[in-house]
Amino acid sequence: MKQTSITPEFVEIIPDQLVEGVLYISEKYGTALHKCCCGCGLEVVTPLKPSGWKVMREGGKVSLAPSIGNWSFPCRSHYWIRRNQIVWAGAFSDQMIRRVQARDRRDIELHIARVNAQKAETQGHVHQSTDQDPGDRGFTWGDLIVACLARVKAWWRGRK
């Protein structure tokens, strides 16, 4: 049976047996697990990381973003967890799923590029103090473009 709500439980280690209707969150191990909210009984694993899902606490309630798209499950369920409530989304076609998966891969690549660009910038500042040319920070135009695109994307997401 489809669920309409879920109860967050913060744990250090995820239990072997998951209880339906409970979202287990291990901040230490950067993971959240729950049984699929459609009632199929399959376990949904959501890695918590900057380029993946994020848990937001809101006065005893939690939200998980982005949405949960169980594209590889027979049920192919798709929903959001917002303030402990399950918000169901419509079914996605195969083409829509491929687009979401491609966007997710691009998001990960942009995140990695942004982190690497920030690291390169930090290393560039360190090199400045060791008598290297201040204009030589090891950046390429590609690094600059990727960093700018990541900032534009973050700004765009913040508008929604």
C-alpha atoms as a PDB file:
ATOM      1  CA  MET A   1       0.000   0.000   0.000  1.00  0.00           C
ATOM      2  CA  LYS A   2       1.295   3.464  -0.894  1.00  0.00           C
ATOM      3  CA  GLN A   3       2.538   5.475   2.046  1.00  0.00           C
ATOM      4  CA  THR A   4       1.602   9.079   2.679  1.00  0.00           C
ATOM      5  CA  SER A   5       4.152   9.772   5.415  1.00  0.00           C
ATOM      6  CA  ILE A   6       7.448   8.512   6.783  1.00  0.00           C
ATOM      7  CA  THR A   7       9.090   8.746  10.204  1.00  0.00           C
ATOM      8  CA  PRO A   8      12.739   9.770  10.362  1.00  0.00           C
ATOM      9  CA  GLU A   9      15.046   7.828  12.665  1.00  0.00           C
ATOM     10  CA  PHE A  10      18.608   9.048  13.102  1.00  0.00           C
ATOM     11  CA  VAL A  11      20.945   6.130  13.657  1.00  0.00           C
ATOM     12  CA  GLU A  12      24.674   5.543  13.557  1.00  0.00           C
ATOM     13  CA  ILE A  13      24.377   2.146  11.889  1.00  0.00           C
ATOM     14  CA  ILE A  14      21.460   1.145   9.655  1.00  0.00           C
ATOM     15  CA  PRO A  15      19.627  -1.898  11.096  1.00  0.00           C
ATOM     16  CA  ASP A  16      19.607  -5.196   9.187  1.00  0.00           C
ATOM     17  CA  GLN A  17      15.809  -5.237   9.024  1.00  0.00           C
ATOM     18  CA  LEU A  18      14.122  -2.040   7.854  1.00  0.00           C
ATOM     19  CA  VAL A  19      10.661  -1.204   9.109  1.00  0.00           C
ATOM     20  CA  GLU A  20       8.222   0.083   6.523  1.00  0.00           C
ATOM     21  CA  GLY A  21       7.424   3.767   6.990  1.00  0.00           C
ATOM     22  CA  VAL A  22      10.757   4.618   8.641  1.00  0.00           C
ATOM     23  CA  LEU A  23      13.528   6.657   7.025  1.00  0.00           C
ATOM     24  CA  TYR A  24      16.821   5.590   8.618  1.00  0.00           C
ATOM     25  CA  ILE A  25      19.430   8.339   8.447  1.00  0.00           C
ATOM     26  CA  SER A  26      23.094   7.748   9.286  1.00  0.00           C
ATOM     27  CA  GLU A  27      24.866  11.070   9.147  1.00  0.00           C
ATOM     28  CA  LYS A  28      28.109   9.412  10.253  1.00  0.00           C
ATOM     29  CA  TYR A  29      28.094   7.158   7.181  1.00  0.00           C
ATOM     30  CA  GLY A  30      26.336   9.620   4.852  1.00  0.00           C
ATOM     31  CA  THR A  31      23.450   7.317   3.995  1.00  0.00           C
ATOM     32  CA  ALA A  32      19.676   7.208   4.285  1.00  0.00           C
ATOM     33  CA  LEU A  33      17.640   4.031   3.724  1.00  0.00           C
ATOM     34  CA  HIS A  34      13.984   3.171   3.685  1.00  0.00           C
ATOM     35  CA  LYS A  35      11.620   0.665   2.164  1.00  0.00           C
ATOM     36  CA  CYS A  36      10.076   1.904  -1.061  1.00  0.00           C
ATOM     37  CA  CYS A  37       7.022   3.990  -0.239  1.00  0.00           C
ATOM     38  CA  CYS A  38       4.907   2.235  -2.870  1.00  0.00           C
ATOM     39  CA  GLY A  39       4.750  -0.854  -0.662  1.00  0.00           C
ATOM     40  CA  CYS A  40       6.792  -3.170  -2.900  1.00  0.00           C
ATOM     41  CA  GLY A  41       9.158  -3.850   0.016  1.00  0.00           C
ATOM     42  CA  LEU A  42      12.412  -3.097  -1.820  1.00  0.00           C
ATOM     43  CA  GLU A  43      15.090  -1.139   0.030  1.00  0.00           C
ATOM     44  CA  VAL A  44      15.931   2.349  -1.225  1.00  0.00           C
ATOM     45  CA  VAL A  45      19.483   3.563  -0.559  1.00  0.00           C
ATOM     46  CA  THR A  46      20.192   7.271  -0.882  1.00  0.00           C
ATOM     47  CA  PRO A  47      23.832   8.331  -0.434  1.00  0.00           C
ATOM     48  CA  LEU A  48      24.034  11.693   1.306  1.00  0.00           C
ATOM     49  CA  LYS A  49      26.711  13.794  -0.351  1.00  0.00           C
ATOM     50  CA  PRO A  50      27.057  17.189  -2.020  1.00  0.00           C
ATOM     51  CA  SER A  51      26.421  15.709  -5.455  1.00  0.00           C
ATOM     52  CA  GLY A  52      23.636  13.407  -4.246  1.00  0.00           C
ATOM     53  CA  TRP A  53      20.788  13.531  -1.780  1.00  0.00           C
ATOM     54  CA  LYS A  54      20.616  15.933   1.122  1.00  0.00           C
ATOM     55  CA  VAL A  55      18.600  15.679   4.332  1.00  0.00           C
ATOM     56  CA  MET A  56      17.119  18.906   5.646  1.00  0.00           C
ATOM     57  CA  ARG A  57      15.863  19.063   9.228  1.00  0.00           C
ATOM     58  CA  GLU A  58      12.861  21.263   9.878  1.00  0.00           C
ATOM     59  CA  GLY A  59      11.773  21.262  13.513  1.00  0.00           C
ATOM     60  CA  GLY A  60      11.640  17.488  14.041  1.00  0.00           C
ATOM     61  CA  LYS A  61      10.636  16.795  10.462  1.00  0.00           C
ATOM     62  CA  VAL A  62      12.913  15.947   7.566  1.00  0.00           C
ATOM     63  CA  SER A  63      12.956  16.463   3.840  1.00  0.00           C
ATOM     64  CA  LEU A  64      15.097  14.546   1.388  1.00  0.00           C
ATOM     65  CA  ALA A  65      16.134  16.119  -1.883  1.00  0.00           C
ATOM     66  CA  PRO A  66      16.153  15.571  -4.754  1.00  0.00           C
ATOM     67  CA  SER A  67      13.246  13.227  -5.411  1.00  0.00           C
ATOM     68  CA  ILE A  68      13.432   9.454  -5.106  1.00  0.00           C
ATOM     69  CA  GLY A  69      13.200   7.863  -8.551  1.00  0.00           C
ATOM     70  CA  ASN A  70      13.216   4.082  -8.272  1.00  0.00           C
ATOM     71  CA  TRP A  71      13.777   3.613 -12.000  1.00  0.00           C
ATOM     72  CA  SER A  72      15.439   0.189 -11.655  1.00  0.00           C
ATOM     73  CA  PHE A  73      12.654  -1.238  -9.468  1.00  0.00           C
ATOM     74  CA  PRO A  74       9.694  -3.050 -11.038  1.00  0.00           C
ATOM     75  CA  CYS A  75       7.381  -0.449  -9.420  1.00  0.00           C
ATOM     76  CA  ARG A  76       9.337   2.482 -10.948  1.00  0.00           C
ATOM     77  CA  SER A  77       7.926   4.685  -8.194  1.00  0.00           C
ATOM     78  CA  HIS A  78       8.827   8.352  -7.993  1.00  0.00           C
ATOM     79  CA  TYR A  79       8.251  10.602  -4.988  1.00  0.00           C
ATOM     80  CA  TRP A  80       9.639  13.295  -2.735  1.00  0.00           C
ATOM     81  CA  ILE A  81       9.988  13.208   1.027  1.00  0.00           C
ATOM     82  CA  ARG A  82       8.989  16.649   2.298  1.00  0.00           C
ATOM     83  CA  ARG A  83       8.549  17.361   6.005  1.00  0.00           C
ATOM     84  CA  ASN A  84       7.910  13.628   6.675  1.00  0.00           C
ATOM     85  CA  GLN A  85       5.223  13.531   3.983  1.00  0.00           C
ATOM     86  CA  ILE A  86       5.401  11.490   0.785  1.00  0.00           C
ATOM     87  CA  VAL A  87       4.587  13.598  -2.252  1.00  0.00           C
ATOM     88  CA  TRP A  88       3.927  11.307  -5.201  1.00  0.00           C
ATOM     89  CA  ALA A  89       5.085  12.227  -8.685  1.00  0.00           C
ATOM     90  CA  GLY A  90       3.678  11.042 -11.955  1.00  0.00           C
ATOM     91  CA  ALA A  91       5.185   8.149 -13.874  1.00  0.00           C
ATOM     92  CA  PHE A  92       8.216   8.884 -16.046  1.00  0.00           C
ATOM     93  CA  SER A  93       8.709   7.520 -19.544  1.00  0.00           C
ATOM     94  CA  ASP A  94      11.976   5.762 -20.417  1.00  0.00           C
ATOM     95  CA  GLN A  95      13.096   8.897 -22.238  1.00  0.00           C
ATOM     96  CA  MET A  96      12.375  11.089 -19.193  1.00  0.00           C
ATOM     97  CA  ILE A  97      14.302   8.681 -16.960  1.00  0.00           C
ATOM     98  CA  ARG A  98      17.321   8.807 -19.300  1.00  0.00           C
ATOM     99  CA  ARG A  99      17.222  12.611 -19.200  1.00  0.00           C
ATOM    100  CA  VAL A 100      17.154  12.656 -15.392  1.00  0.00           C
ATOM    101  CA  GLN A 101      20.002  10.158 -15.214  1.00  0.00           C
ATOM    102  CA  ALA A 102      22.055  12.208 -17.691  1.00  0.00           C
ATOM    103  CA  ARG A 103      21.386  15.372 -15.671  1.00  0.00           C
ATOM    104  CA  ASP A 104      22.453  13.559 -12.489  1.00  0.00           C
ATOM    105  CA  ARG A 105      25.724  12.493 -14.143  1.00  0.00           C
ATOM    106  CA  ARG A 106      26.334  16.092 -15.287  1.00  0.00           C
ATOM    107  CA  ASP A 107      25.616  17.351 -11.748  1.00  0.00           C
ATOM    108  CA  ILE A 108      28.227  14.987 -10.345  1.00  0.00           C
ATOM    109  CA  GLU A 109      30.771  16.003 -12.990  1.00  0.00           C
ATOM    110  CA  LEU A 110      30.130  19.699 -12.315  1.00  0.00           C
ATOM    111  CA  HIS A 111      30.463  19.180  -8.571  1.00  0.00           C
ATOM    112  CA  ILE A 112      33.791  17.390  -9.010  1.00  0.00           C
ATOM    113  CA  ALA A 113      35.023  20.083 -11.408  1.00  0.00           C
ATOM    114  CA  ARG A 114      33.960  22.843  -8.993  1.00  0.00           C
ATOM    115  CA  VAL A 115      35.744  21.193  -6.060  1.00  0.00           C
ATOM    116  CA  ASN A 116      38.866  20.668  -8.157  1.00  0.00           C
ATOM    117  CA  ALA A 117      38.769  24.277  -9.386  1.00  0.00           C
ATOM    118  CA  GLN A 118      38.445  25.530  -5.803  1.00  0.00           C
ATOM    119  CA  LYS A 119      41.361  23.337  -4.782  1.00  0.00           C
ATOM    120  CA  ALA A 120      43.428  24.621  -7.697  1.00  0.00           C
ATOM    121  CA  GLU A 121      42.584  28.195  -6.697  1.00  0.00           C
ATOM    122  CA  THR A 122      43.617  27.531  -3.110  1.00  0.00           C
ATOM    123  CA  GLN A 123      46.867  25.977  -4.285  1.00  0.00           C
ATOM    124  CA  GLY A 124      47.378  28.975  -6.568  1.00  0.00           C
ATOM    125  CA  HIS A 125      47.193  31.325  -3.577  1.00  0.00           C
ATOM    126  CA  VAL A 126      49.742  29.201  -1.733  1.00  0.00           C
ATOM    127  CA  HIS A 127      52.065  29.346  -4.741  1.00  0.00           C
ATOM    128  CA  GLN A 128      51.771  33.126  -4.855  1.00  0.00           C
ATOM    129  CA  SER A 129      53.483  33.369  -1.494  1.00  0.00           C
ATOM    130  CA  THR A 130      56.375  31.208  -2.768  1.00  0.00           C
ATOM    131  CA  ASP A 131      57.553  33.671  -5.444  1.00  0.00           C
ATOM    132  CA  GLN A 132      55.682  32.162  -8.387  1.00  0.00           C
ATOM    133  CA  ASP A 133      54.092  34.348 -11.019  1.00  0.00           C
ATOM    134  CA  PRO A 134      50.821  35.638  -9.449  1.00  0.00           C
ATOM    135  CA  GLY A 135      49.072  35.207 -12.795  1.00  0.00           C
ATOM    136  CA  ASP A 136      49.945  31.492 -12.947  1.00  0.00           C
ATOM    137  CA  ARG A 137      47.415  29.617 -10.839  1.00  0.00           C
ATOM    138  CA  GLY A 138      47.282  26.461 -12.936  1.00  0.00           C
ATOM    139  CA  PHE A 139      43.798  27.258 -14.272  1.00  0.00           C
ATOM    140  CA  THR A 140      42.682  26.558 -17.774  1.00  0.00           C
ATOM    141  CA  TRP A 141      39.818  28.306 -19.535  1.00  0.00           C
ATOM    142  CA  GLY A 142      37.905  25.036 -19.159  1.00  0.00           C
ATOM    143  CA  ASP A 143      38.311  25.188 -15.353  1.00  0.00           C
ATOM    144  CA  LEU A 144      36.974  28.734 -15.349  1.00  0.00           C
ATOM    145  CA  ILE A 145      33.996  27.833 -17.542  1.00  0.00           C
ATOM    146  CA  VAL A 146      33.128  24.792 -15.399  1.00  0.00           C
ATOM    147  CA  ALA A 147      33.341  26.850 -12.197  1.00  0.00           C
ATOM    148  CA  CYS A 148      31.141  29.590 -13.713  1.00  0.00           C
ATOM    149  CA  LEU A 149      28.578  27.051 -14.911  1.00  0.00           C
ATOM    150  CA  ALA A 150      28.469  25.456 -11.457  1.00  0.00           C
ATOM    151  CA  ARG A 151      27.781  28.862  -9.876  1.00  0.00           C
ATOM    152  CA  VAL A 152      25.050  29.671 -12.405  1.00  0.00           C
ATOM    153  CA  LYS A 153      23.456  26.275 -11.805  1.00  0.00           C
ATOM    154  CA  ALA A 154      23.552  26.746  -8.014  1.00  0.00           C
ATOM    155  CA  TRP A 155      21.988  30.194  -8.409  1.00  0.00           C
ATOM    156  CA  TRP A 156      19.288  28.799 -10.706  1.00  0.00           C
ATOM    157  CA  ARG A 157      18.407  25.997  -8.276  1.00  0.00           C
ATOM    158  CA  GLY A 158      18.211  28.505  -5.429  1.00  0.00           C
ATOM    159  CA  ARG A 159      15.482  30.414  -7.306  1.00  0.00           C
ATOM    160  CA  LYS A 160      13.113  27.421  -7.306  1.00  0.00           C
END
